Amino acid sequence: MKTAMMIVLACSACCMTNTPGFAASYHGVDPVKTVRQKFEAFNRHDVAAIEGLYAADAVLRSPDYPELAGNSQIADTYKRLFDAIPDANDAIENIDSSGNRVYAQFVLSGHLKGAGGKFIKVPIMSVYTVSGGHIAADSTYYDRKTP
């Protein structure tokens, strides 16, 4: 009985704490660190690193893509984005987590190559699900009409 009660208390503490990364570190993975690595790779335009951070069977959903499946397809999309916006940069404004979910608000900025170098600045919200140190799901939201 004591052992069962200790397990319940440990699980409750893990799930109910508001300490950032507590639940993740309990399981040996820090989801926020994984997502921050994705943003660092993005800002370096490191497509190979981005591909490695997404799980092989990851799914990405956004206004421009109903559903991309697999890390190679996701990486290819980032490559096309870097080709279209050669100076693309993501600036994180807010990042938070709950369990294995990471919520990031950021602004994509850069100059469009095919539009005479027009400057763009797009506020974006993404919800990442991280599993085993890889991004398993990425649901991204933004207004496609943003100038």
C-alpha atoms as a PDB file:
ATOM      1  CA  MET A   1       0.000   0.000   0.000  1.00  0.00           C
ATOM      2  CA  LYS A   2       2.815   2.424   0.862  1.00  0.00           C
ATOM      3  CA  THR A   3       4.522   1.767  -2.486  1.00  0.00           C
ATOM      4  CA  ALA A   4       1.338   2.398  -4.472  1.00  0.00           C
ATOM      5  CA  MET A   5       0.706   5.611  -2.549  1.00  0.00           C
ATOM      6  CA  MET A   6       4.278   6.828  -3.219  1.00  0.00           C
ATOM      7  CA  ILE A   7       3.852   6.183  -6.963  1.00  0.00           C
ATOM      8  CA  VAL A   8       0.563   8.115  -7.007  1.00  0.00           C
ATOM      9  CA  LEU A   9       2.130  11.029  -5.127  1.00  0.00           C
ATOM     10  CA  ALA A  10       5.168  11.091  -7.422  1.00  0.00           C
ATOM     11  CA  CYS A  11       2.988  11.064 -10.541  1.00  0.00           C
ATOM     12  CA  SER A  12       0.718  13.759  -9.122  1.00  0.00           C
ATOM     13  CA  ALA A  13       3.655  15.995  -8.282  1.00  0.00           C
ATOM     14  CA  CYS A  14       5.083  15.507 -11.747  1.00  0.00           C
ATOM     15  CA  CYS A  15       1.836  16.306 -13.529  1.00  0.00           C
ATOM     16  CA  MET A  16       0.609  19.130 -11.304  1.00  0.00           C
ATOM     17  CA  THR A  17       3.764  21.156 -10.761  1.00  0.00           C
ATOM     18  CA  ASN A  18       4.166  24.479 -12.522  1.00  0.00           C
ATOM     19  CA  THR A  19       7.937  24.210 -12.401  1.00  0.00           C
ATOM     20  CA  PRO A  20       9.151  24.553 -16.015  1.00  0.00           C
ATOM     21  CA  GLY A  21      10.633  21.349 -17.319  1.00  0.00           C
ATOM     22  CA  PHE A  22       9.896  19.348 -14.141  1.00  0.00           C
ATOM     23  CA  ALA A  23       7.739  16.719 -15.837  1.00  0.00           C
ATOM     24  CA  ALA A  24      10.016  16.649 -18.868  1.00  0.00           C
ATOM     25  CA  SER A  25      13.187  16.222 -16.851  1.00  0.00           C
ATOM     26  CA  TYR A  26      11.484  13.464 -14.873  1.00  0.00           C
ATOM     27  CA  HIS A  27      11.243  11.541 -18.164  1.00  0.00           C
ATOM     28  CA  GLY A  28      14.748  12.533 -19.336  1.00  0.00           C
ATOM     29  CA  VAL A  29      13.656  14.954 -22.082  1.00  0.00           C
ATOM     30  CA  ASP A  30      13.270  18.736 -22.062  1.00  0.00           C
ATOM     31  CA  PRO A  31      10.659  19.622 -24.715  1.00  0.00           C
ATOM     32  CA  VAL A  32      11.441  23.362 -24.555  1.00  0.00           C
ATOM     33  CA  LYS A  33      15.123  22.683 -25.246  1.00  0.00           C
ATOM     34  CA  THR A  34      14.180  20.632 -28.318  1.00  0.00           C
ATOM     35  CA  VAL A  35      11.962  23.435 -29.659  1.00  0.00           C
ATOM     36  CA  ARG A  36      14.613  26.079 -28.941  1.00  0.00           C
ATOM     37  CA  GLN A  37      17.083  23.956 -30.935  1.00  0.00           C
ATOM     38  CA  LYS A  38      14.608  23.998 -33.836  1.00  0.00           C
ATOM     39  CA  PHE A  39      14.495  27.824 -33.735  1.00  0.00           C
ATOM     40  CA  GLU A  40      18.300  28.017 -33.576  1.00  0.00           C
ATOM     41  CA  ALA A  41      18.559  25.697 -36.603  1.00  0.00           C
ATOM     42  CA  PHE A  42      15.933  27.796 -38.404  1.00  0.00           C
ATOM     43  CA  ASN A  43      17.898  30.996 -37.845  1.00  0.00           C
ATOM     44  CA  ARG A  44      21.059  29.283 -39.167  1.00  0.00           C
ATOM     45  CA  HIS A  45      19.019  27.979 -42.145  1.00  0.00           C
ATOM     46  CA  ASP A  46      20.280  24.509 -41.191  1.00  0.00           C
ATOM     47  CA  VAL A  47      17.806  22.237 -42.983  1.00  0.00           C
ATOM     48  CA  ALA A  48      19.657  19.052 -41.951  1.00  0.00           C
ATOM     49  CA  ALA A  49      19.429  20.004 -38.263  1.00  0.00           C
ATOM     50  CA  ILE A  50      15.728  20.810 -38.630  1.00  0.00           C
ATOM     51  CA  GLU A  51      15.139  17.433 -40.277  1.00  0.00           C
ATOM     52  CA  GLY A  52      16.967  15.734 -37.393  1.00  0.00           C
ATOM     53  CA  LEU A  53      14.885  17.524 -34.770  1.00  0.00           C
ATOM     54  CA  TYR A  54      11.578  16.369 -36.274  1.00  0.00           C
ATOM     55  CA  ALA A  55      10.625  12.720 -35.763  1.00  0.00           C
ATOM     56  CA  ALA A  56      10.687  10.521 -38.879  1.00  0.00           C
ATOM     57  CA  ASP A  57       6.874  10.296 -38.720  1.00  0.00           C
ATOM     58  CA  ALA A  58       6.265  13.905 -37.583  1.00  0.00           C
ATOM     59  CA  VAL A  59       3.238  15.821 -38.810  1.00  0.00           C
ATOM     60  CA  LEU A  60       3.168  19.565 -39.533  1.00  0.00           C
ATOM     61  CA  ARG A  61      -0.070  21.479 -40.042  1.00  0.00           C
ATOM     62  CA  SER A  62      -0.297  25.137 -41.060  1.00  0.00           C
ATOM     63  CA  PRO A  63      -2.484  27.466 -43.138  1.00  0.00           C
ATOM     64  CA  ASP A  64      -0.304  26.818 -46.198  1.00  0.00           C
ATOM     65  CA  TYR A  65      -0.021  23.041 -45.784  1.00  0.00           C
ATOM     66  CA  PRO A  66      -3.024  20.939 -44.797  1.00  0.00           C
ATOM     67  CA  GLU A  67      -0.652  18.282 -43.468  1.00  0.00           C
ATOM     68  CA  LEU A  68       2.976  17.477 -44.112  1.00  0.00           C
ATOM     69  CA  ALA A  69       4.032  14.015 -42.987  1.00  0.00           C
ATOM     70  CA  GLY A  70       7.587  12.947 -42.269  1.00  0.00           C
ATOM     71  CA  ASN A  71      10.698  14.868 -41.343  1.00  0.00           C
ATOM     72  CA  SER A  72      12.132  14.872 -44.878  1.00  0.00           C
ATOM     73  CA  GLN A  73       8.975  16.444 -46.325  1.00  0.00           C
ATOM     74  CA  ILE A  74       8.991  19.009 -43.486  1.00  0.00           C
ATOM     75  CA  ALA A  75      12.698  19.772 -44.058  1.00  0.00           C
ATOM     76  CA  ASP A  76      12.056  20.233 -47.791  1.00  0.00           C
ATOM     77  CA  THR A  77       9.396  22.819 -46.952  1.00  0.00           C
ATOM     78  CA  TYR A  78      11.895  24.734 -44.815  1.00  0.00           C
ATOM     79  CA  LYS A  79      14.411  24.608 -47.671  1.00  0.00           C
ATOM     80  CA  ARG A  80      11.829  26.174 -50.008  1.00  0.00           C
ATOM     81  CA  LEU A  81      11.050  28.824 -47.382  1.00  0.00           C
ATOM     82  CA  PHE A  82      14.761  29.722 -47.077  1.00  0.00           C
ATOM     83  CA  ASP A  83      14.988  29.948 -50.868  1.00  0.00           C
ATOM     84  CA  ALA A  84      12.007  32.329 -50.935  1.00  0.00           C
ATOM     85  CA  ILE A  85      13.149  34.382 -47.907  1.00  0.00           C
ATOM     86  CA  PRO A  86      16.975  34.265 -47.933  1.00  0.00           C
ATOM     87  CA  ASP A  87      17.274  36.251 -44.695  1.00  0.00           C
ATOM     88  CA  ALA A  88      14.386  34.530 -42.867  1.00  0.00           C
ATOM     89  CA  ASN A  89      14.627  34.898 -39.100  1.00  0.00           C
ATOM     90  CA  ASP A  90      12.375  33.789 -36.253  1.00  0.00           C
ATOM     91  CA  ALA A  91      12.323  35.907 -33.095  1.00  0.00           C
ATOM     92  CA  ILE A  92      10.708  34.131 -30.137  1.00  0.00           C
ATOM     93  CA  GLU A  93       8.422  36.411 -28.153  1.00  0.00           C
ATOM     94  CA  ASN A  94       7.063  33.835 -25.714  1.00  0.00           C
ATOM     95  CA  ILE A  95       7.663  30.143 -25.098  1.00  0.00           C
ATOM     96  CA  ASP A  96       5.962  27.955 -22.511  1.00  0.00           C
ATOM     97  CA  SER A  97       5.242  24.299 -21.945  1.00  0.00           C
ATOM     98  CA  SER A  98       2.863  21.903 -20.309  1.00  0.00           C
ATOM     99  CA  GLY A  99       4.059  18.322 -20.184  1.00  0.00           C
ATOM    100  CA  ASN A 100       5.343  17.394 -23.636  1.00  0.00           C
ATOM    101  CA  ARG A 101       3.591  20.319 -25.374  1.00  0.00           C
ATOM    102  CA  VAL A 102       5.459  23.524 -26.132  1.00  0.00           C
ATOM    103  CA  TYR A 103       3.683  26.751 -27.065  1.00  0.00           C
ATOM    104  CA  ALA A 104       5.741  29.338 -28.950  1.00  0.00           C
ATOM    105  CA  GLN A 105       4.780  32.806 -30.136  1.00  0.00           C
ATOM    106  CA  PHE A 106       7.306  34.259 -32.543  1.00  0.00           C
ATOM    107  CA  VAL A 107       7.718  36.622 -35.466  1.00  0.00           C
ATOM    108  CA  LEU A 108       9.071  35.535 -38.837  1.00  0.00           C
ATOM    109  CA  SER A 109      10.772  38.379 -40.666  1.00  0.00           C
ATOM    110  CA  GLY A 110      12.815  38.757 -43.808  1.00  0.00           C
ATOM    111  CA  HIS A 111      12.766  39.930 -47.404  1.00  0.00           C
ATOM    112  CA  LEU A 112      10.865  38.103 -50.154  1.00  0.00           C
ATOM    113  CA  LYS A 113      13.236  37.156 -52.959  1.00  0.00           C
ATOM    114  CA  GLY A 114      10.582  37.012 -55.698  1.00  0.00           C
ATOM    115  CA  ALA A 115       8.820  40.240 -54.717  1.00  0.00           C
ATOM    116  CA  GLY A 116      11.575  42.779 -55.180  1.00  0.00           C
ATOM    117  CA  GLY A 117      12.925  42.229 -51.678  1.00  0.00           C
ATOM    118  CA  LYS A 118       9.681  43.240 -49.967  1.00  0.00           C
ATOM    119  CA  PHE A 119      10.085  43.114 -46.175  1.00  0.00           C
ATOM    120  CA  ILE A 120       7.670  40.839 -44.319  1.00  0.00           C
ATOM    121  CA  LYS A 121       6.932  40.441 -40.630  1.00  0.00           C
ATOM    122  CA  VAL A 122       4.530  37.632 -39.711  1.00  0.00           C
ATOM    123  CA  PRO A 123       3.352  36.911 -36.147  1.00  0.00           C
ATOM    124  CA  ILE A 124       3.062  33.137 -35.671  1.00  0.00           C
ATOM    125  CA  MET A 125       1.844  30.763 -32.958  1.00  0.00           C
ATOM    126  CA  SER A 126       2.978  27.137 -32.929  1.00  0.00           C
ATOM    127  CA  VAL A 127       2.050  24.222 -30.702  1.00  0.00           C
ATOM    128  CA  TYR A 128       4.696  21.483 -30.682  1.00  0.00           C
ATOM    129  CA  THR A 129       4.355  17.977 -29.287  1.00  0.00           C
ATOM    130  CA  VAL A 130       7.751  16.592 -28.336  1.00  0.00           C
ATOM    131  CA  SER A 131       8.471  12.905 -27.842  1.00  0.00           C
ATOM    132  CA  GLY A 132      11.860  11.367 -27.130  1.00  0.00           C
ATOM    133  CA  GLY A 133      13.726  14.581 -27.934  1.00  0.00           C
ATOM    134  CA  HIS A 134      12.051  14.981 -31.347  1.00  0.00           C
ATOM    135  CA  ILE A 135       9.165  17.117 -32.548  1.00  0.00           C
ATOM    136  CA  ALA A 136       6.354  14.660 -33.253  1.00  0.00           C
ATOM    137  CA  ALA A 137       3.697  17.226 -34.183  1.00  0.00           C
ATOM    138  CA  ASP A 138       3.746  20.902 -35.132  1.00  0.00           C
ATOM    139  CA  SER A 139       0.516  22.875 -35.476  1.00  0.00           C
ATOM    140  CA  THR A 140       1.313  26.378 -36.689  1.00  0.00           C
ATOM    141  CA  TYR A 141      -1.110  29.294 -36.964  1.00  0.00           C
ATOM    142  CA  TYR A 142      -0.746  32.644 -38.732  1.00  0.00           C
ATOM    143  CA  ASP A 143      -2.710  35.059 -40.883  1.00  0.00           C
ATOM    144  CA  ARG A 144      -1.832  34.440 -44.534  1.00  0.00           C
ATOM    145  CA  LYS A 145      -2.836  38.042 -45.326  1.00  0.00           C
ATOM    146  CA  THR A 146      -0.135  39.549 -43.098  1.00  0.00           C
ATOM    147  CA  PRO A 147       1.799  42.123 -45.162  1.00  0.00           C
END
